[in-house]
């Protein structure tokens, strides 16, 4: 898929006269059925996760964030308080888009503690900022 995009770009910019012939056809993408966990399954996952990881999982479950969006979050993107009070809030992701976060007390308290400690919004078991290679330890992509 990426190579085709590069080749199309090269044709548009006149680096190539035409797309190469004989490229293998891409396999058609079939419909996939998403397996959405029940509320009980989400609660079990959150109960089993460490506090640090629980915030990431909860943002995925309650705000609908994707794993890569959780990895890209910075604490300034997360606004969960108004006048010092815990409230539902918004998480800004990519180019000003926001996801609503419902008021879930422990999520807000936990996220606030991590932010006050200066911890990254997503971190590995040792508290270090996640890189793409470290993220799969707690977030499957």
Protein backbone atom coordinates (compact mmCIF):
# COMPACT_ATOMS: atom_id res chain seq x y z
CA UNK A 1 0.00 0.00 0.00
CA UNK A 2 2.79 2.45 0.90
CA UNK A 3 4.77 1.66 -2.24
CA UNK A 4 1.71 2.42 -4.37
CA UNK A 5 1.34 5.81 -2.70
CA UNK A 6 4.99 6.59 -3.32
CA UNK A 7 4.68 5.55 -6.96
CA UNK A 8 1.52 7.65 -7.45
CA UNK A 9 3.34 10.62 -5.95
CA UNK A 10 6.25 10.05 -8.35
CA UNK A 11 3.86 9.97 -11.34
CA UNK A 12 2.09 13.17 -10.24
CA UNK A 13 5.43 14.93 -9.80
CA UNK A 14 6.60 13.60 -13.18
CA UNK A 15 9.46 11.58 -11.68
CA UNK A 16 7.91 8.56 -13.43
CA UNK A 17 5.98 8.53 -16.70
CA UNK A 18 3.39 6.03 -15.50
CA UNK A 19 2.67 3.54 -12.76
CA UNK A 20 4.66 0.34 -13.24
CA UNK A 21 2.69 -2.47 -14.82
CA UNK A 22 2.40 -5.95 -13.42
CA UNK A 23 2.24 -4.94 -9.78
CA UNK A 24 0.51 -7.61 -7.69
CA UNK A 25 -3.12 -6.92 -6.88
CA UNK A 26 -3.94 -6.05 -3.33
CA UNK A 27 -6.00 -8.52 -1.41
CA UNK A 28 -9.51 -7.18 -0.92
CA UNK A 29 -10.21 -6.21 2.64
CA UNK A 30 -13.26 -8.03 3.91
CA UNK A 31 -15.57 -6.79 6.57
CA UNK A 32 -14.43 -7.56 10.05
CA UNK A 33 -16.64 -7.79 13.07
CA UNK A 34 -15.41 -5.76 16.00
CA UNK A 35 -15.50 -7.53 19.31
CA UNK A 36 -16.57 -4.89 21.77
CA UNK A 37 -16.08 -5.88 25.40
CA UNK A 38 -19.09 -5.77 27.68
CA UNK A 39 -19.20 -3.38 30.63
CA UNK A 40 -18.36 -6.29 32.92
CA UNK A 41 -15.32 -7.23 30.80
CA UNK A 42 -14.11 -3.63 30.82
CA UNK A 43 -14.45 -3.51 34.61
CA UNK A 44 -12.47 -6.77 34.95
CA UNK A 45 -9.70 -5.46 32.68
CA UNK A 46 -9.50 -2.20 34.62
CA UNK A 47 -9.53 -4.00 37.97
CA UNK A 48 -6.65 -6.25 36.89
CA UNK A 49 -4.50 -3.43 35.44
CA UNK A 50 -1.97 -1.44 37.45
CA UNK A 51 -3.02 2.13 38.25
CA UNK A 52 -0.68 3.57 35.63
CA UNK A 53 -2.00 1.28 32.90
CA UNK A 54 -5.58 1.60 34.08
CA UNK A 55 -5.65 5.23 32.94
CA UNK A 56 -4.62 4.25 29.41
CA UNK A 57 -7.13 1.42 29.22
CA UNK A 58 -9.89 3.61 30.64
CA UNK A 59 -9.22 6.32 28.06
CA UNK A 60 -9.57 3.69 25.35
CA UNK A 61 -12.75 2.26 26.88
CA UNK A 62 -14.54 5.46 27.95
CA UNK A 63 -13.27 8.04 25.45
CA UNK A 64 -12.91 5.73 22.47
CA UNK A 65 -9.24 6.50 21.98
CA UNK A 66 -7.14 4.19 19.86
CA UNK A 67 -3.88 2.80 21.27
CA UNK A 68 -1.80 5.11 19.07
CA UNK A 69 -3.85 8.11 20.28
CA UNK A 70 -3.22 7.13 23.91
CA UNK A 71 0.51 6.82 23.19
CA UNK A 72 0.53 10.30 21.59
CA UNK A 73 -1.25 12.04 24.50
CA UNK A 74 0.50 14.70 26.52
CA UNK A 75 -0.89 15.92 29.84
CA UNK A 76 -1.72 19.40 28.46
CA UNK A 77 -4.11 17.59 26.07
CA UNK A 78 -6.15 16.22 28.99
CA UNK A 79 -8.58 18.59 30.68
CA UNK A 80 -10.59 16.86 33.37
CA UNK A 81 -11.05 19.58 36.01
CA UNK A 82 -13.01 22.79 36.19
CA UNK A 83 -12.40 25.19 39.10
CA UNK A 84 -10.53 22.43 40.93
CA UNK A 85 -13.48 20.02 40.70
CA UNK A 86 -13.39 16.68 38.93
CA UNK A 87 -15.70 16.80 35.94
CA UNK A 88 -16.09 15.01 32.68
CA UNK A 89 -13.74 16.54 30.19
CA UNK A 90 -12.16 16.36 26.81
CA UNK A 91 -9.03 14.78 25.49
CA UNK A 92 -7.62 16.55 22.45
CA UNK A 93 -6.20 14.22 19.85
CA UNK A 94 -4.65 15.00 16.49
CA UNK A 95 -5.32 18.31 14.85
CA UNK A 96 -7.75 19.68 17.40
CA UNK A 97 -10.19 16.77 17.43
CA UNK A 98 -11.50 15.98 20.88
CA UNK A 99 -13.03 12.96 22.55
CA UNK A 100 -15.42 13.43 25.45
CA UNK A 101 -14.44 11.70 28.68
CA UNK A 102 -17.27 10.87 31.09
CA UNK A 103 -16.84 11.68 34.77
CA UNK A 104 -15.24 8.60 36.24
CA UNK A 105 -13.84 9.64 39.60
CA UNK A 106 -10.96 7.18 39.96
CA UNK A 107 -9.86 7.83 36.34
CA UNK A 108 -9.67 11.56 36.95
CA UNK A 109 -7.93 11.20 40.31
CA UNK A 110 -5.42 8.73 38.91
CA UNK A 111 -4.72 10.83 35.81
CA UNK A 112 -4.37 13.95 37.97
CA UNK A 113 -1.85 12.22 40.28
CA UNK A 114 0.24 11.12 37.28
CA UNK A 115 0.15 14.63 35.82
CA UNK A 116 1.18 16.21 39.15
CA UNK A 117 4.12 13.81 39.41
CA UNK A 118 5.18 14.88 35.94
CA UNK A 119 4.73 11.37 34.60
CA UNK A 120 3.96 10.92 30.93
CA UNK A 121 0.32 10.30 30.09
CA UNK A 122 1.28 6.83 29.02
CA UNK A 123 4.20 5.02 30.59
CA UNK A 124 5.59 1.54 30.89
CA UNK A 125 5.90 -0.52 34.05
CA UNK A 126 9.05 1.35 35.10
CA UNK A 127 7.33 4.73 34.70
CA UNK A 128 9.32 5.64 31.60
CA UNK A 129 7.74 7.37 28.63
CA UNK A 130 6.55 4.77 26.13
CA UNK A 131 8.15 4.41 22.78
CA UNK A 132 6.48 2.44 20.03
CA UNK A 133 8.56 -0.58 21.02
CA UNK A 134 7.57 -0.36 24.69
CA UNK A 135 3.87 0.34 24.19
CA UNK A 136 2.83 -3.24 23.32
CA UNK A 137 3.70 -4.23 26.90
CA UNK A 138 0.36 -2.80 27.96
CA UNK A 139 -1.48 -1.72 24.81
CA UNK A 140 -1.96 -4.09 21.93
CA UNK A 141 -2.07 -2.40 18.55
